[in-house]
Amino acid sequence: VLKETIDGMEKLDLDFSGLEYLSSAGLRVLLTAQ
């Protein structure tokens, strides 16, 4: 989803209100997005 939509964006807002669990694989994706 990020690869498809992040190009040209000036702000990325992530809402984690419904996120229950985060693994190292998720951290890797967040680091790449950052």
PDB file of all heavy atoms in Angstrom:
ATOM      1  N   VAL A   1       0.844  -1.200   0.000  1.00  0.00           N
ATOM      2  CA  VAL A   1       0.000   0.000   0.000  1.00  0.00           C
ATOM      3  C   VAL A   1       0.878   1.248   0.000  1.00  0.00           C
ATOM      4  O   VAL A   1       0.613   2.203  -0.739  1.00  0.00           O
ATOM      5  CB  VAL A   1      -0.964   0.001   1.213  1.00  0.00           C
ATOM      6  CG1 VAL A   1      -1.616   1.357   1.399  1.00  0.00           C
ATOM      7  CG2 VAL A   1      -2.024  -1.076   1.050  1.00  0.00           C
ATOM      8  N   LEU A   2       1.916   1.242   0.807  1.00  0.00           N
ATOM      9  CA  LEU A   2       2.811   2.399   0.870  1.00  0.00           C
ATOM     10  C   LEU A   2       3.526   2.613  -0.461  1.00  0.00           C
ATOM     11  O   LEU A   2       3.623   3.748  -0.943  1.00  0.00           O
ATOM     12  CB  LEU A   2       3.817   2.237   2.006  1.00  0.00           C
ATOM     13  CG  LEU A   2       3.240   2.409   3.405  1.00  0.00           C
ATOM     14  CD1 LEU A   2       4.245   1.980   4.465  1.00  0.00           C
ATOM     15  CD2 LEU A   2       2.799   3.839   3.644  1.00  0.00           C
ATOM     16  N   LYS A   3       4.011   1.546  -1.078  1.00  0.00           N
ATOM     17  CA  LYS A   3       4.708   1.676  -2.359  1.00  0.00           C
ATOM     18  C   LYS A   3       3.792   2.262  -3.429  1.00  0.00           C
ATOM     19  O   LYS A   3       4.233   3.043  -4.269  1.00  0.00           O
ATOM     20  CB  LYS A   3       5.250   0.317  -2.822  1.00  0.00           C
ATOM     21  CG  LYS A   3       6.533  -0.076  -2.139  1.00  0.00           C
ATOM     22  CD  LYS A   3       7.076  -1.370  -2.679  1.00  0.00           C
ATOM     23  CE  LYS A   3       8.355  -1.755  -1.953  1.00  0.00           C
ATOM     24  NZ  LYS A   3       8.900  -3.025  -2.402  1.00  0.00           N
ATOM     25  N   GLU A   4       2.517   1.882  -3.393  1.00  0.00           N
ATOM     26  CA  GLU A   4       1.556   2.363  -4.380  1.00  0.00           C
ATOM     27  C   GLU A   4       1.188   3.827  -4.179  1.00  0.00           C
ATOM     28  O   GLU A   4       0.874   4.517  -5.146  1.00  0.00           O
ATOM     29  CB  GLU A   4       0.251   1.554  -4.297  1.00  0.00           C
ATOM     30  CG  GLU A   4       0.354   0.127  -4.728  1.00  0.00           C
ATOM     31  CD  GLU A   4      -0.906  -0.668  -4.389  1.00  0.00           C
ATOM     32  OE1 GLU A   4      -1.909  -0.072  -3.932  1.00  0.00           O
ATOM     33  OE2 GLU A   4      -0.885  -1.886  -4.587  1.00  0.00           O
ATOM     34  N   THR A   5       1.178   4.300  -2.929  1.00  0.00           N
ATOM     35  CA  THR A   5       0.561   5.597  -2.640  1.00  0.00           C
ATOM     36  C   THR A   5       1.477   6.665  -2.041  1.00  0.00           C
ATOM     37  O   THR A   5       1.091   7.827  -2.021  1.00  0.00           O
ATOM     38  CB  THR A   5      -0.627   5.400  -1.677  1.00  0.00           C
ATOM     39  OG1 THR A   5      -0.166   4.712  -0.510  1.00  0.00           O
ATOM     40  CG2 THR A   5      -1.739   4.618  -2.310  1.00  0.00           C
ATOM     41  N   ILE A   6       2.656   6.315  -1.577  1.00  0.00           N
ATOM     42  CA  ILE A   6       3.468   7.271  -0.818  1.00  0.00           C
ATOM     43  C   ILE A   6       4.194   8.277  -1.714  1.00  0.00           C
ATOM     44  O   ILE A   6       4.535   9.375  -1.280  1.00  0.00           O
ATOM     45  CB  ILE A   6       4.468   6.518   0.100  1.00  0.00           C
ATOM     46  CG1 ILE A   6       4.933   7.420   1.233  1.00  0.00           C
ATOM     47  CG2 ILE A   6       5.640   5.991  -0.703  1.00  0.00           C
ATOM     48  CD1 ILE A   6       5.735   6.702   2.293  1.00  0.00           C
ATOM     49  N   ASP A   7       4.384   7.947  -2.973  1.00  0.00           N
ATOM     50  CA  ASP A   7       5.123   8.815  -3.881  1.00  0.00           C
ATOM     51  C   ASP A   7       4.439  10.176  -4.012  1.00  0.00           C
ATOM     52  O   ASP A   7       3.256  10.258  -4.322  1.00  0.00           O
ATOM     53  CB  ASP A   7       5.248   8.150  -5.252  1.00  0.00           C
ATOM     54  CG  ASP A   7       6.314   8.798  -6.101  1.00  0.00           C
ATOM     55  OD1 ASP A   7       7.345   9.211  -5.545  1.00  0.00           O
ATOM     56  OD2 ASP A   7       6.103   8.907  -7.330  1.00  0.00           O
ATOM     57  N   GLY A   8       5.175  11.233  -3.733  1.00  0.00           N
ATOM     58  CA  GLY A   8       4.645  12.579  -3.855  1.00  0.00           C
ATOM     59  C   GLY A   8       3.895  13.094  -2.632  1.00  0.00           C
ATOM     60  O   GLY A   8       3.489  14.252  -2.591  1.00  0.00           O
ATOM     61  N   MET A   9       3.713  12.245  -1.644  1.00  0.00           N
ATOM     62  CA  MET A   9       3.017  12.681  -0.428  1.00  0.00           C
ATOM     63  C   MET A   9       3.963  13.514   0.438  1.00  0.00           C
ATOM     64  O   MET A   9       5.134  13.201   0.562  1.00  0.00           O
ATOM     65  CB  MET A   9       2.536  11.470   0.390  1.00  0.00           C
ATOM     66  CG  MET A   9       1.413  10.687  -0.233  1.00  0.00           C
ATOM     67  SD  MET A   9      -0.092  11.645  -0.382  1.00  0.00           S
ATOM     68  CE  MET A   9      -0.317  11.601  -2.138  1.00  0.00           C
ATOM     69  N   GLU A  10       3.412  14.570   1.017  1.00  0.00           N
ATOM     70  CA  GLU A  10       4.202  15.413   1.912  1.00  0.00           C
ATOM     71  C   GLU A  10       3.955  15.069   3.378  1.00  0.00           C
ATOM     72  O   GLU A  10       4.751  15.416   4.242  1.00  0.00           O
ATOM     73  CB  GLU A  10       3.870  16.888   1.663  1.00  0.00           C
ATOM     74  CG  GLU A  10       4.308  17.347   0.291  1.00  0.00           C
ATOM     75  CD  GLU A  10       3.882  18.768  -0.028  1.00  0.00           C
ATOM     76  OE1 GLU A  10       3.320  19.450   0.856  1.00  0.00           O
ATOM     77  OE2 GLU A  10       4.105  19.188  -1.175  1.00  0.00           O
ATOM     78  N   LYS A  11       2.846  14.394   3.651  1.00  0.00           N
ATOM     79  CA  LYS A  11       2.548  13.984   5.023  1.00  0.00           C
ATOM     80  C   LYS A  11       1.929  12.597   5.011  1.00  0.00           C
ATOM     81  O   LYS A  11       1.032  12.321   4.226  1.00  0.00           O
ATOM     82  CB  LYS A  11       1.602  14.969   5.706  1.00  0.00           C
ATOM     83  CG  LYS A  11       1.367  14.629   7.167  1.00  0.00           C
ATOM     84  CD  LYS A  11       0.720  15.753   7.931  1.00  0.00           C
ATOM     85  CE  LYS A  11       0.647  15.384   9.402  1.00  0.00           C
ATOM     86  NZ  LYS A  11      -0.064  16.380  10.174  1.00  0.00           N
ATOM     87  N   LEU A  12       2.429  11.746   5.886  1.00  0.00           N
ATOM     88  CA  LEU A  12       1.875  10.406   6.084  1.00  0.00           C
ATOM     89  C   LEU A  12       1.401  10.329   7.522  1.00  0.00           C
ATOM     90  O   LEU A  12       2.202  10.441   8.454  1.00  0.00           O
ATOM     91  CB  LEU A  12       2.935   9.335   5.806  1.00  0.00           C
ATOM     92  CG  LEU A  12       2.550   7.890   6.090  1.00  0.00           C
ATOM     93  CD1 LEU A  12       1.336   7.465   5.257  1.00  0.00           C
ATOM     94  CD2 LEU A  12       3.726   6.958   5.822  1.00  0.00           C
ATOM     95  N   ASP A  13       0.083  10.186   7.697  1.00  0.00           N
ATOM     96  CA  ASP A  13      -0.525  10.040   9.018  1.00  0.00           C
ATOM     97  C   ASP A  13      -0.925   8.585   9.215  1.00  0.00           C
ATOM     98  O   ASP A  13      -1.701   8.052   8.417  1.00  0.00           O
ATOM     99  CB  ASP A  13      -1.785  10.908   9.148  1.00  0.00           C
ATOM    100  CG  ASP A  13      -1.480  12.318   9.589  1.00  0.00           C
ATOM    101  OD1 ASP A  13      -0.506  12.498  10.343  1.00  0.00           O
ATOM    102  OD2 ASP A  13      -2.212  13.230   9.194  1.00  0.00           O
ATOM    103  N   LEU A  14      -0.413   7.964  10.258  1.00  0.00           N
ATOM    104  CA  LEU A  14      -0.765   6.581  10.574  1.00  0.00           C
ATOM    105  C   LEU A  14      -1.572   6.567  11.863  1.00  0.00           C
ATOM    106  O   LEU A  14      -1.112   7.058  12.891  1.00  0.00           O
ATOM    107  CB  LEU A  14       0.493   5.729  10.728  1.00  0.00           C
ATOM    108  CG  LEU A  14       1.395   5.628   9.494  1.00  0.00           C
ATOM    109  CD1 LEU A  14       2.687   4.913   9.845  1.00  0.00           C
ATOM    110  CD2 LEU A  14       0.679   4.916   8.371  1.00  0.00           C
ATOM    111  N   ASP A  15      -2.770   6.010  11.787  1.00  0.00           N
ATOM    112  CA  ASP A  15      -3.647   5.898  12.949  1.00  0.00           C
ATOM    113  C   ASP A  15      -3.559   4.463  13.470  1.00  0.00           C
ATOM    114  O   ASP A  15      -3.978   3.527  12.803  1.00  0.00           O
ATOM    115  CB  ASP A  15      -5.080   6.246  12.559  1.00  0.00           C
ATOM    116  CG  ASP A  15      -6.046   6.196  13.737  1.00  0.00           C
ATOM    117  OD1 ASP A  15      -5.662   5.714  14.822  1.00  0.00           O
ATOM    118  OD2 ASP A  15      -7.193   6.630  13.556  1.00  0.00           O
ATOM    119  N   PHE A  16      -3.003   4.314  14.669  1.00  0.00           N
ATOM    120  CA  PHE A  16      -2.802   2.993  15.264  1.00  0.00           C
ATOM    121  C   PHE A  16      -3.868   2.660  16.302  1.00  0.00           C
ATOM    122  O   PHE A  16      -3.693   1.740  17.094  1.00  0.00           O
ATOM    123  CB  PHE A  16      -1.418   2.924  15.928  1.00  0.00           C
ATOM    124  CG  PHE A  16      -0.283   2.633  14.982  1.00  0.00           C
ATOM    125  CD1 PHE A  16      -0.422   2.775  13.619  1.00  0.00           C
ATOM    126  CD2 PHE A  16       0.944   2.230  15.479  1.00  0.00           C
ATOM    127  CE1 PHE A  16       0.639   2.504  12.750  1.00  0.00           C
ATOM    128  CE2 PHE A  16       2.007   1.953  14.636  1.00  0.00           C
ATOM    129  CZ  PHE A  16       1.857   2.091  13.268  1.00  0.00           C
ATOM    130  N   SER A  17      -4.991   3.384  16.323  1.00  0.00           N
ATOM    131  CA  SER A  17      -6.007   3.168  17.353  1.00  0.00           C
ATOM    132  C   SER A  17      -6.544   1.736  17.350  1.00  0.00           C
ATOM    133  O   SER A  17      -6.934   1.222  18.389  1.00  0.00           O
ATOM    134  CB  SER A  17      -7.157   4.166  17.215  1.00  0.00           C
ATOM    135  OG  SER A  17      -7.782   4.048  15.958  1.00  0.00           O
ATOM    136  N   GLY A  18      -6.531   1.064  16.206  1.00  0.00           N
ATOM    137  CA  GLY A  18      -7.037  -0.296  16.135  1.00  0.00           C
ATOM    138  C   GLY A  18      -5.945  -1.347  16.052  1.00  0.00           C
ATOM    139  O   GLY A  18      -6.218  -2.540  15.899  1.00  0.00           O
ATOM    140  N   LEU A  19      -4.688  -0.918  16.149  1.00  0.00           N
ATOM    141  CA  LEU A  19      -3.580  -1.865  16.035  1.00  0.00           C
ATOM    142  C   LEU A  19      -3.342  -2.548  17.376  1.00  0.00           C
ATOM    143  O   LEU A  19      -3.173  -1.894  18.398  1.00  0.00           O
ATOM    144  CB  LEU A  19      -2.314  -1.136  15.567  1.00  0.00           C
ATOM    145  CG  LEU A  19      -1.214  -2.026  15.010  1.00  0.00           C
ATOM    146  CD1 LEU A  19      -1.662  -2.734  13.739  1.00  0.00           C
ATOM    147  CD2 LEU A  19       0.042  -1.219  14.743  1.00  0.00           C
ATOM    148  N   GLU A  20      -3.336  -3.872  17.367  1.00  0.00           N
ATOM    149  CA  GLU A  20      -3.201  -4.658  18.592  1.00  0.00           C
ATOM    150  C   GLU A  20      -1.792  -5.187  18.828  1.00  0.00           C
ATOM    151  O   GLU A  20      -1.393  -5.427  19.963  1.00  0.00           O
ATOM    152  CB  GLU A  20      -4.148  -5.868  18.524  1.00  0.00           C
ATOM    153  CG  GLU A  20      -5.594  -5.504  18.315  1.00  0.00           C
ATOM    154  CD  GLU A  20      -6.425  -6.690  17.842  1.00  0.00           C
ATOM    155  OE1 GLU A  20      -5.885  -7.806  17.698  1.00  0.00           O
ATOM    156  OE2 GLU A  20      -7.621  -6.486  17.587  1.00  0.00           O
ATOM    157  N   TYR A  21      -1.043  -5.393  17.737  1.00  0.00           N
ATOM    158  CA  TYR A  21       0.254  -6.069  17.851  1.00  0.00           C
ATOM    159  C   TYR A  21       1.179  -5.545  16.762  1.00  0.00           C
ATOM    160  O   TYR A  21       0.750  -5.270  15.643  1.00  0.00           O
ATOM    161  CB  TYR A  21       0.067  -7.583  17.698  1.00  0.00           C
ATOM    162  CG  TYR A  21       1.343  -8.370  17.704  1.00  0.00           C
ATOM    163  CD1 TYR A  21       1.983  -8.664  18.898  1.00  0.00           C
ATOM    164  CD2 TYR A  21       1.912  -8.807  16.518  1.00  0.00           C
ATOM    165  CE1 TYR A  21       3.171  -9.391  18.908  1.00  0.00           C
ATOM    166  CE2 TYR A  21       3.101  -9.528  16.515  1.00  0.00           C
ATOM    167  CZ  TYR A  21       3.719  -9.816  17.714  1.00  0.00           C
ATOM    168  OH  TYR A  21       4.895 -10.524  17.724  1.00  0.00           O
ATOM    169  N   LEU A  22       2.462  -5.433  17.088  1.00  0.00           N
ATOM    170  CA  LEU A  22       3.471  -4.967  16.136  1.00  0.00           C
ATOM    171  C   LEU A  22       4.715  -5.834  16.284  1.00  0.00           C
ATOM    172  O   LEU A  22       5.289  -5.917  17.372  1.00  0.00           O
ATOM    173  CB  LEU A  22       3.801  -3.498  16.422  1.00  0.00           C
ATOM    174  CG  LEU A  22       4.889  -2.851  15.588  1.00  0.00           C
ATOM    175  CD1 LEU A  22       4.479  -2.772  14.123  1.00  0.00           C
ATOM    176  CD2 LEU A  22       5.191  -1.461  16.127  1.00  0.00           C
ATOM    177  N   SER A  23       5.128  -6.474  15.203  1.00  0.00           N
ATOM    178  CA  SER A  23       6.317  -7.327  15.233  1.00  0.00           C
ATOM    179  C   SER A  23       7.494  -6.617  14.579  1.00  0.00           C
ATOM    180  O   SER A  23       7.368  -5.504  14.056  1.00  0.00           O
ATOM    181  CB  SER A  23       6.049  -8.635  14.486  1.00  0.00           C
ATOM    182  OG  SER A  23       6.071  -8.410  13.083  1.00  0.00           O
ATOM    183  N   SER A  24       8.640  -7.277  14.553  1.00  0.00           N
ATOM    184  CA  SER A  24       9.834  -6.702  13.935  1.00  0.00           C
ATOM    185  C   SER A  24       9.626  -6.483  12.436  1.00  0.00           C
ATOM    186  O   SER A  24      10.173  -5.534  11.864  1.00  0.00           O
ATOM    187  CB  SER A  24      11.055  -7.591  14.182  1.00  0.00           C
ATOM    188  OG  SER A  24      10.843  -8.879  13.650  1.00  0.00           O
ATOM    189  N   ALA A  25       8.826  -7.324  11.797  1.00  0.00           N
ATOM    190  CA  ALA A  25       8.533  -7.129  10.373  1.00  0.00           C
ATOM    191  C   ALA A  25       7.767  -5.825  10.161  1.00  0.00           C
ATOM    192  O   ALA A  25       8.013  -5.086   9.205  1.00  0.00           O
ATOM    193  CB  ALA A  25       7.731  -8.310   9.834  1.00  0.00           C
ATOM    194  N   GLY A  26       6.857  -5.522  11.065  1.00  0.00           N
ATOM    195  CA  GLY A  26       6.124  -4.263  11.003  1.00  0.00           C
ATOM    196  C   GLY A  26       7.026  -3.077  11.262  1.00  0.00           C
ATOM    197  O   GLY A  26       6.909  -2.035  10.607  1.00  0.00           O
ATOM    198  N   LEU A  27       7.953  -3.234  12.211  1.00  0.00           N
ATOM    199  CA  LEU A  27       8.912  -2.161  12.495  1.00  0.00           C
ATOM    200  C   LEU A  27       9.766  -1.850  11.268  1.00  0.00           C
ATOM    201  O   LEU A  27      10.043  -0.690  10.974  1.00  0.00           O
ATOM    202  CB  LEU A  27       9.826  -2.560  13.667  1.00  0.00           C
ATOM    203  CG  LEU A  27       9.185  -2.562  15.047  1.00  0.00           C
ATOM    204  CD1 LEU A  27      10.152  -3.166  16.068  1.00  0.00           C
ATOM    205  CD2 LEU A  27       8.780  -1.159  15.474  1.00  0.00           C
ATOM    206  N   ARG A  28      10.137  -2.886  10.528  1.00  0.00           N
ATOM    207  CA  ARG A  28      10.945  -2.696   9.329  1.00  0.00           C
ATOM    208  C   ARG A  28      10.197  -1.852   8.301  1.00  0.00           C
ATOM    209  O   ARG A  28      10.755  -0.926   7.708  1.00  0.00           O
ATOM    210  CB  ARG A  28      11.331  -4.057   8.726  1.00  0.00           C
ATOM    211  CG  ARG A  28      12.204  -3.938   7.480  1.00  0.00           C
ATOM    212  CD  ARG A  28      12.441  -5.283   6.818  1.00  0.00           C
ATOM    213  NE  ARG A  28      11.219  -5.994   6.495  1.00  0.00           N
ATOM    214  CZ  ARG A  28      10.426  -5.719   5.461  1.00  0.00           C
ATOM    215  NH1 ARG A  28      10.705  -4.722   4.656  1.00  0.00           N
ATOM    216  NH2 ARG A  28       9.347  -6.437   5.232  1.00  0.00           N
ATOM    217  N   VAL A  29       8.913  -2.138   8.106  1.00  0.00           N
ATOM    218  CA  VAL A  29       8.102  -1.372   7.156  1.00  0.00           C
ATOM    219  C   VAL A  29       7.976   0.079   7.616  1.00  0.00           C
ATOM    220  O   VAL A  29       8.085   1.011   6.807  1.00  0.00           O
ATOM    221  CB  VAL A  29       6.708  -2.016   6.963  1.00  0.00           C
ATOM    222  CG1 VAL A  29       5.829  -1.152   6.083  1.00  0.00           C
ATOM    223  CG2 VAL A  29       6.834  -3.413   6.376  1.00  0.00           C
ATOM    224  N   LEU A  30       7.773   0.288   8.906  1.00  0.00           N
ATOM    225  CA  LEU A  30       7.668   1.648   9.441  1.00  0.00           C
ATOM    226  C   LEU A  30       8.981   2.414   9.264  1.00  0.00           C
ATOM    227  O   LEU A  30       8.971   3.601   8.921  1.00  0.00           O
ATOM    228  CB  LEU A  30       7.278   1.620  10.918  1.00  0.00           C
ATOM    229  CG  LEU A  30       5.872   1.118  11.236  1.00  0.00           C
ATOM    230  CD1 LEU A  30       5.658   1.068  12.741  1.00  0.00           C
ATOM    231  CD2 LEU A  30       4.818   1.986  10.569  1.00  0.00           C
ATOM    232  N   LEU A  31      10.100   1.741   9.474  1.00  0.00           N
ATOM    233  CA  LEU A  31      11.403   2.378   9.308  1.00  0.00           C
ATOM    234  C   LEU A  31      11.622   2.787   7.853  1.00  0.00           C
ATOM    235  O   LEU A  31      12.086   3.896   7.573  1.00  0.00           O
ATOM    236  CB  LEU A  31      12.521   1.440   9.776  1.00  0.00           C
ATOM    237  CG  LEU A  31      13.938   2.001   9.716  1.00  0.00           C
ATOM    238  CD1 LEU A  31      14.070   3.246  10.578  1.00  0.00           C
ATOM    239  CD2 LEU A  31      14.939   0.942  10.151  1.00  0.00           C
ATOM    240  N   THR A  32      11.263   1.919   6.927  1.00  0.00           N
ATOM    241  CA  THR A  32      11.388   2.226   5.501  1.00  0.00           C
ATOM    242  C   THR A  32      10.519   3.426   5.136  1.00  0.00           C
ATOM    243  O   THR A  32      10.969   4.340   4.430  1.00  0.00           O
ATOM    244  CB  THR A  32      10.995   1.002   4.649  1.00  0.00           C
ATOM    245  OG1 THR A  32      11.851  -0.090   4.997  1.00  0.00           O
ATOM    246  CG2 THR A  32      11.108   1.289   3.166  1.00  0.00           C
ATOM    247  N   ALA A  33       9.279   3.443   5.632  1.00  0.00           N
ATOM    248  CA  ALA A  33       8.374   4.564   5.359  1.00  0.00           C
ATOM    249  C   ALA A  33       8.931   5.856   5.944  1.00  0.00           C
ATOM    250  O   ALA A  33       8.866   6.913   5.305  1.00  0.00           O
ATOM    251  CB  ALA A  33       6.992   4.267   5.926  1.00  0.00           C
ATOM    252  N   GLN A  34       9.504   5.776   7.148  1.00  0.00           N
ATOM    253  CA  GLN A  34      10.072   6.963   7.785  1.00  0.00           C
ATOM    254  C   GLN A  34      11.228   7.520   6.960  1.00  0.00           C
ATOM    255  O   GLN A  34      11.348   8.729   6.775  1.00  0.00           O
ATOM    256  CB  GLN A  34      10.542   6.637   9.206  1.00  0.00           C
ATOM    257  CG  GLN A  34      11.082   7.836   9.966  1.00  0.00           C
ATOM    258  CD  GLN A  34      10.023   8.882  10.240  1.00  0.00           C
ATOM    259  OE1 GLN A  34       9.082   8.636  10.966  1.00  0.00           O
ATOM    260  NE2 GLN A  34      10.171  10.058   9.655  1.00  0.00           N
TER     261      GLN A  34
END
